[in-house]
Amino acid sequence: MAGNQEEVVYVGDYDNTNDFRLESDGVALPLDDVIQIDANVSGLDISSTNQPADLIRWNVLGFEVGEIHCRLGAIPSLSGGIKNCWFIVFDPTNPNGVVFGPIDLVAIELP
């Protein structure tokens, strides 16, 4: 995943997702062994173990290799404005996590 991509996030518990493809040296990262993905959006942290109610999902039927779907707008305390997002991916060979990002986000609060 290259840095400096701009993504629009709608603040609130909407069904909108931001979909990303995690890559290493231009090759999609297999997520079969991933046990947790965390995100940090300008200091706000969320964590996912890929449960149906989690804000980050991966390895779901129909997803491509390396693809994650995120409901970043539903992060508690998220406000409008320009944000930065990093993902930290944990698996048995990387128990301290591998960092991806930053991604530039434009968080929009609906009137």
N, C-alpha and C. Protein backbone atom coordinates (compact mmCIF):
# COMPACT_ATOMS: atom_id res chain seq x y z
N MET A 1 0.85 -1.16 0.00
CA MET A 1 0.00 0.00 0.00
C MET A 1 0.90 1.23 0.00
N ALA A 2 0.71 2.07 -0.96
CA ALA A 2 1.51 3.28 -1.05
C ALA A 2 0.98 4.34 -0.12
N GLY A 3 1.86 5.18 0.39
CA GLY A 3 1.45 6.27 1.24
C GLY A 3 0.85 7.40 0.42
N ASN A 4 0.34 8.40 1.12
CA ASN A 4 -0.19 9.62 0.52
C ASN A 4 -1.39 9.40 -0.40
N GLN A 5 -2.15 8.35 -0.20
CA GLN A 5 -3.42 8.20 -0.87
C GLN A 5 -4.43 9.00 -0.06
N GLU A 6 -5.40 9.61 -0.75
CA GLU A 6 -6.42 10.35 -0.02
C GLU A 6 -7.73 9.59 -0.08
N GLU A 7 -8.31 9.35 1.07
CA GLU A 7 -9.57 8.62 1.19
C GLU A 7 -10.57 9.50 1.91
N VAL A 8 -11.83 9.45 1.46
CA VAL A 8 -12.90 10.17 2.14
C VAL A 8 -13.56 9.23 3.14
N VAL A 9 -13.73 9.71 4.36
CA VAL A 9 -14.37 8.96 5.43
C VAL A 9 -15.55 9.79 5.92
N TYR A 10 -16.72 9.19 6.00
CA TYR A 10 -17.90 9.87 6.53
C TYR A 10 -18.04 9.53 8.01
N VAL A 11 -17.99 10.56 8.84
CA VAL A 11 -18.01 10.37 10.29
C VAL A 11 -19.40 9.92 10.72
N GLY A 12 -19.44 8.79 11.41
CA GLY A 12 -20.69 8.23 11.90
C GLY A 12 -20.71 6.74 11.64
N ASP A 13 -21.67 6.07 12.23
CA ASP A 13 -21.75 4.61 12.11
C ASP A 13 -22.52 4.22 10.85
N TYR A 14 -21.98 4.62 9.70
CA TYR A 14 -22.60 4.31 8.41
C TYR A 14 -22.01 3.00 7.87
N ASP A 15 -22.62 2.47 6.84
CA ASP A 15 -22.13 1.23 6.23
C ASP A 15 -21.05 1.47 5.18
N ASN A 16 -20.63 2.73 4.98
CA ASN A 16 -19.55 3.02 4.03
C ASN A 16 -18.27 2.35 4.50
N THR A 17 -17.55 1.76 3.55
CA THR A 17 -16.24 1.20 3.89
C THR A 17 -15.15 1.87 3.07
N ASN A 18 -13.97 1.87 3.61
CA ASN A 18 -12.76 2.22 2.88
C ASN A 18 -12.01 0.92 2.71
N ASP A 19 -11.75 0.57 1.46
CA ASP A 19 -11.14 -0.72 1.14
C ASP A 19 -9.71 -0.50 0.68
N PHE A 20 -8.80 -1.28 1.24
CA PHE A 20 -7.38 -1.15 0.95
C PHE A 20 -6.81 -2.52 0.59
N ARG A 21 -5.73 -2.51 -0.15
CA ARG A 21 -4.99 -3.72 -0.48
C ARG A 21 -3.60 -3.56 0.12
N LEU A 22 -3.30 -4.40 1.10
CA LEU A 22 -1.99 -4.35 1.74
C LEU A 22 -0.99 -5.07 0.84
N GLU A 23 0.13 -4.40 0.58
CA GLU A 23 1.15 -4.94 -0.31
C GLU A 23 2.53 -4.84 0.33
N SER A 24 3.40 -5.75 -0.09
CA SER A 24 4.81 -5.70 0.26
C SER A 24 5.59 -5.80 -1.05
N ASP A 25 6.37 -4.79 -1.36
CA ASP A 25 7.12 -4.72 -2.61
C ASP A 25 6.23 -4.93 -3.83
N GLY A 26 5.02 -4.35 -3.79
CA GLY A 26 4.10 -4.40 -4.92
C GLY A 26 3.31 -5.68 -5.05
N VAL A 27 3.46 -6.61 -4.11
CA VAL A 27 2.75 -7.89 -4.14
C VAL A 27 1.74 -7.92 -3.00
N ALA A 28 0.50 -8.32 -3.33
CA ALA A 28 -0.54 -8.39 -2.31
C ALA A 28 -0.12 -9.32 -1.18
N LEU A 29 -0.35 -8.88 0.04
CA LEU A 29 0.05 -9.62 1.23
C LEU A 29 -1.02 -10.64 1.60
N PRO A 30 -0.68 -11.94 1.60
CA PRO A 30 -1.68 -12.92 2.05
C PRO A 30 -2.00 -12.67 3.53
N LEU A 31 -3.28 -12.69 3.86
CA LEU A 31 -3.70 -12.37 5.21
C LEU A 31 -4.23 -13.58 5.96
N ASP A 32 -3.97 -14.78 5.45
CA ASP A 32 -4.49 -16.01 6.04
C ASP A 32 -4.06 -16.20 7.49
N ASP A 33 -2.83 -15.84 7.83
CA ASP A 33 -2.31 -16.06 9.18
C ASP A 33 -2.44 -14.85 10.09
N VAL A 34 -3.03 -13.76 9.59
CA VAL A 34 -3.16 -12.55 10.38
C VAL A 34 -4.15 -12.79 11.52
N ILE A 35 -3.73 -12.42 12.73
CA ILE A 35 -4.58 -12.63 13.91
C ILE A 35 -5.21 -11.33 14.41
N GLN A 36 -4.63 -10.19 14.00
CA GLN A 36 -5.14 -8.91 14.46
C GLN A 36 -4.66 -7.81 13.53
N ILE A 37 -5.53 -6.84 13.26
CA ILE A 37 -5.13 -5.62 12.56
C ILE A 37 -5.62 -4.45 13.40
N ASP A 38 -4.69 -3.55 13.72
CA ASP A 38 -5.02 -2.33 14.44
C ASP A 38 -4.94 -1.17 13.46
N ALA A 39 -5.65 -0.10 13.76
CA ALA A 39 -5.54 1.13 12.99
C ALA A 39 -5.37 2.28 13.97
N ASN A 40 -4.57 3.25 13.56
CA ASN A 40 -4.42 4.49 14.31
C ASN A 40 -4.79 5.61 13.35
N VAL A 41 -5.84 6.35 13.68
CA VAL A 41 -6.29 7.48 12.86
C VAL A 41 -6.08 8.73 13.69
N SER A 42 -4.97 9.41 13.40
CA SER A 42 -4.62 10.65 14.10
C SER A 42 -4.78 10.52 15.62
N GLY A 43 -4.24 9.45 16.17
CA GLY A 43 -4.24 9.24 17.61
C GLY A 43 -5.40 8.44 18.15
N LEU A 44 -6.40 8.13 17.33
CA LEU A 44 -7.51 7.29 17.76
C LEU A 44 -7.22 5.86 17.32
N ASP A 45 -7.26 4.93 18.27
CA ASP A 45 -6.90 3.55 18.00
C ASP A 45 -8.13 2.64 17.95
N ILE A 46 -8.11 1.71 17.01
CA ILE A 46 -9.09 0.62 16.99
C ILE A 46 -8.32 -0.67 16.74
N SER A 47 -8.92 -1.77 17.15
CA SER A 47 -8.30 -3.08 17.01
C SER A 47 -9.34 -4.06 16.49
N SER A 48 -8.90 -4.97 15.64
CA SER A 48 -9.82 -5.97 15.08
C SER A 48 -9.18 -7.34 15.10
N THR A 49 -9.98 -8.33 15.47
CA THR A 49 -9.58 -9.73 15.34
C THR A 49 -10.43 -10.42 14.28
N ASN A 50 -11.01 -9.62 13.39
CA ASN A 50 -11.77 -10.08 12.22
C ASN A 50 -13.11 -10.70 12.59
N GLN A 51 -13.74 -10.15 13.62
CA GLN A 51 -15.08 -10.59 13.99
C GLN A 51 -16.11 -9.78 13.21
N PRO A 52 -17.32 -10.33 12.99
CA PRO A 52 -18.31 -9.64 12.16
C PRO A 52 -18.61 -8.20 12.59
N ALA A 53 -18.58 -7.88 13.85
CA ALA A 53 -18.88 -6.52 14.31
C ALA A 53 -17.66 -5.60 14.32
N ASP A 54 -16.47 -6.13 14.03
CA ASP A 54 -15.25 -5.31 14.06
C ASP A 54 -15.25 -4.28 12.92
N LEU A 55 -14.54 -3.18 13.13
CA LEU A 55 -14.47 -2.12 12.13
C LEU A 55 -13.48 -2.41 11.01
N ILE A 56 -12.63 -3.41 11.19
CA ILE A 56 -11.69 -3.84 10.14
C ILE A 56 -11.94 -5.32 9.88
N ARG A 57 -12.10 -5.69 8.61
CA ARG A 57 -12.34 -7.09 8.25
C ARG A 57 -11.37 -7.49 7.13
N TRP A 58 -10.98 -8.75 7.11
CA TRP A 58 -10.12 -9.32 6.07
C TRP A 58 -10.42 -10.80 5.96
N ASN A 59 -9.92 -11.40 4.89
CA ASN A 59 -10.12 -12.85 4.66
C ASN A 59 -11.59 -13.24 4.73
N VAL A 60 -12.43 -12.44 4.13
CA VAL A 60 -13.85 -12.73 4.05
C VAL A 60 -14.14 -13.20 2.63
N LEU A 61 -15.07 -14.13 2.49
CA LEU A 61 -15.43 -14.64 1.18
C LEU A 61 -15.70 -13.49 0.22
N GLY A 62 -15.04 -13.50 -0.92
CA GLY A 62 -15.20 -12.45 -1.92
C GLY A 62 -14.11 -11.39 -1.88
N PHE A 63 -13.34 -11.34 -0.80
CA PHE A 63 -12.23 -10.39 -0.72
C PHE A 63 -11.05 -10.94 -1.53
N GLU A 64 -10.30 -10.06 -2.16
CA GLU A 64 -9.09 -10.46 -2.87
C GLU A 64 -7.93 -10.60 -1.88
N VAL A 65 -6.86 -11.21 -2.32
CA VAL A 65 -5.66 -11.36 -1.49
C VAL A 65 -5.19 -9.97 -1.06
N GLY A 66 -4.94 -9.81 0.22
CA GLY A 66 -4.43 -8.56 0.75
C GLY A 66 -5.48 -7.50 1.02
N GLU A 67 -6.73 -7.76 0.71
CA GLU A 67 -7.78 -6.75 0.82
C GLU A 67 -8.34 -6.67 2.23
N ILE A 68 -8.46 -5.43 2.73
CA ILE A 68 -9.12 -5.18 4.00
C ILE A 68 -10.23 -4.15 3.77
N HIS A 69 -11.33 -4.31 4.49
CA HIS A 69 -12.44 -3.36 4.45
C HIS A 69 -12.56 -2.74 5.84
N CYS A 70 -12.65 -1.42 5.88
CA CYS A 70 -12.66 -0.70 7.14
C CYS A 70 -13.84 0.26 7.20
N ARG A 71 -14.47 0.31 8.34
CA ARG A 71 -15.52 1.31 8.61
C ARG A 71 -14.90 2.37 9.52
N LEU A 72 -13.98 3.14 8.96
CA LEU A 72 -13.22 4.11 9.75
C LEU A 72 -14.09 5.23 10.29
N GLY A 73 -15.17 5.57 9.61
CA GLY A 73 -16.06 6.62 10.08
C GLY A 73 -16.72 6.31 11.41
N ALA A 74 -16.77 5.03 11.76
CA ALA A 74 -17.42 4.60 13.01
C ALA A 74 -16.48 4.59 14.20
N ILE A 75 -15.24 5.04 14.01
CA ILE A 75 -14.30 5.10 15.14
C ILE A 75 -14.85 6.09 16.18
N PRO A 76 -14.99 5.66 17.43
CA PRO A 76 -15.49 6.57 18.46
C PRO A 76 -14.60 7.82 18.57
N SER A 77 -15.22 8.98 18.74
CA SER A 77 -14.55 10.28 18.91
C SER A 77 -13.94 10.83 17.63
N LEU A 78 -14.13 10.18 16.48
CA LEU A 78 -13.60 10.72 15.22
C LEU A 78 -14.35 11.99 14.88
N SER A 79 -13.62 13.03 14.51
CA SER A 79 -14.22 14.29 14.10
C SER A 79 -13.79 14.60 12.67
N GLY A 80 -14.42 15.60 12.10
CA GLY A 80 -14.10 15.99 10.73
C GLY A 80 -12.71 16.60 10.63
N GLY A 81 -12.17 16.57 9.40
CA GLY A 81 -10.87 17.19 9.15
C GLY A 81 -9.92 16.25 8.45
N ILE A 82 -8.71 16.71 8.27
CA ILE A 82 -7.65 15.93 7.63
C ILE A 82 -7.03 15.03 8.69
N LYS A 83 -6.91 13.74 8.38
CA LYS A 83 -6.38 12.75 9.33
C LYS A 83 -5.31 11.91 8.63
N ASN A 84 -4.50 11.25 9.43
CA ASN A 84 -3.55 10.25 8.93
C ASN A 84 -3.92 8.91 9.51
N CYS A 85 -3.75 7.85 8.73
CA CYS A 85 -4.11 6.51 9.18
C CYS A 85 -2.94 5.56 8.95
N TRP A 86 -2.66 4.75 9.95
CA TRP A 86 -1.68 3.68 9.85
C TRP A 86 -2.37 2.38 10.23
N PHE A 87 -1.98 1.29 9.58
CA PHE A 87 -2.45 -0.03 9.95
C PHE A 87 -1.28 -0.82 10.52
N ILE A 88 -1.53 -1.59 11.57
CA ILE A 88 -0.52 -2.47 12.16
C ILE A 88 -1.08 -3.88 12.07
N VAL A 89 -0.34 -4.75 11.37
CA VAL A 89 -0.80 -6.11 11.07
C VAL A 89 0.03 -7.09 11.89
N PHE A 90 -0.67 -7.96 12.64
CA PHE A 90 -0.03 -8.93 13.51
C PHE A 90 -0.29 -10.34 13.00
N ASP A 91 0.76 -11.15 12.97
CA ASP A 91 0.64 -12.58 12.67
C ASP A 91 1.70 -13.31 13.48
N PRO A 92 1.70 -14.65 13.46
CA PRO A 92 2.66 -15.38 14.30
C PRO A 92 4.12 -15.05 14.03
N THR A 93 4.48 -14.69 12.80
CA THR A 93 5.88 -14.37 12.52
C THR A 93 6.21 -12.90 12.80
N ASN A 94 5.20 -12.08 13.03
CA ASN A 94 5.38 -10.66 13.35
C ASN A 94 4.54 -10.29 14.57
N PRO A 95 4.89 -10.82 15.75
CA PRO A 95 4.06 -10.59 16.93
C PRO A 95 4.04 -9.14 17.40
N ASN A 96 5.01 -8.32 16.98
CA ASN A 96 5.02 -6.90 17.34
C ASN A 96 4.32 -6.04 16.29
N GLY A 97 3.93 -6.66 15.17
CA GLY A 97 3.19 -5.96 14.13
C GLY A 97 4.06 -5.35 13.06
N VAL A 98 3.50 -5.27 11.85
CA VAL A 98 4.12 -4.62 10.70
C VAL A 98 3.24 -3.41 10.37
N VAL A 99 3.86 -2.25 10.20
CA VAL A 99 3.13 -0.99 9.99
C VAL A 99 2.99 -0.70 8.51
N PHE A 100 1.78 -0.30 8.10
CA PHE A 100 1.49 0.14 6.74
C PHE A 100 0.91 1.55 6.81
N GLY A 101 1.33 2.40 5.91
CA GLY A 101 0.79 3.76 5.84
C GLY A 101 1.92 4.77 5.75
N PRO A 102 1.65 6.03 5.91
CA PRO A 102 0.36 6.61 6.27
C PRO A 102 -0.55 6.77 5.05
N ILE A 103 -1.81 6.85 5.34
CA ILE A 103 -2.82 7.15 4.34
C ILE A 103 -3.48 8.45 4.78
N ASP A 104 -3.64 9.37 3.86
CA ASP A 104 -4.30 10.63 4.17
C ASP A 104 -5.81 10.44 4.07
N LEU A 105 -6.51 10.84 5.12
CA LEU A 105 -7.97 10.74 5.16
C LEU A 105 -8.58 12.14 5.23
N VAL A 106 -9.72 12.29 4.58
CA VAL A 106 -10.53 13.49 4.74
C VAL A 106 -11.81 13.03 5.42
N ALA A 107 -11.94 13.34 6.70
CA ALA A 107 -13.12 12.93 7.48
C ALA A 107 -14.17 14.03 7.35
N ILE A 108 -15.36 13.63 6.90
CA ILE A 108 -16.44 14.60 6.67
C ILE A 108 -17.59 14.29 7.61
N GLU A 109 -18.02 15.31 8.35
CA GLU A 109 -19.19 15.19 9.20
C GLU A 109 -20.40 15.69 8.43
N LEU A 110 -21.44 14.87 8.34
CA LEU A 110 -22.64 15.27 7.63
C LEU A 110 -23.43 16.25 8.48
N PRO A 111 -24.13 17.18 7.82
CA PRO A 111 -24.91 18.17 8.59
C PRO A 111 -26.07 17.53 9.31
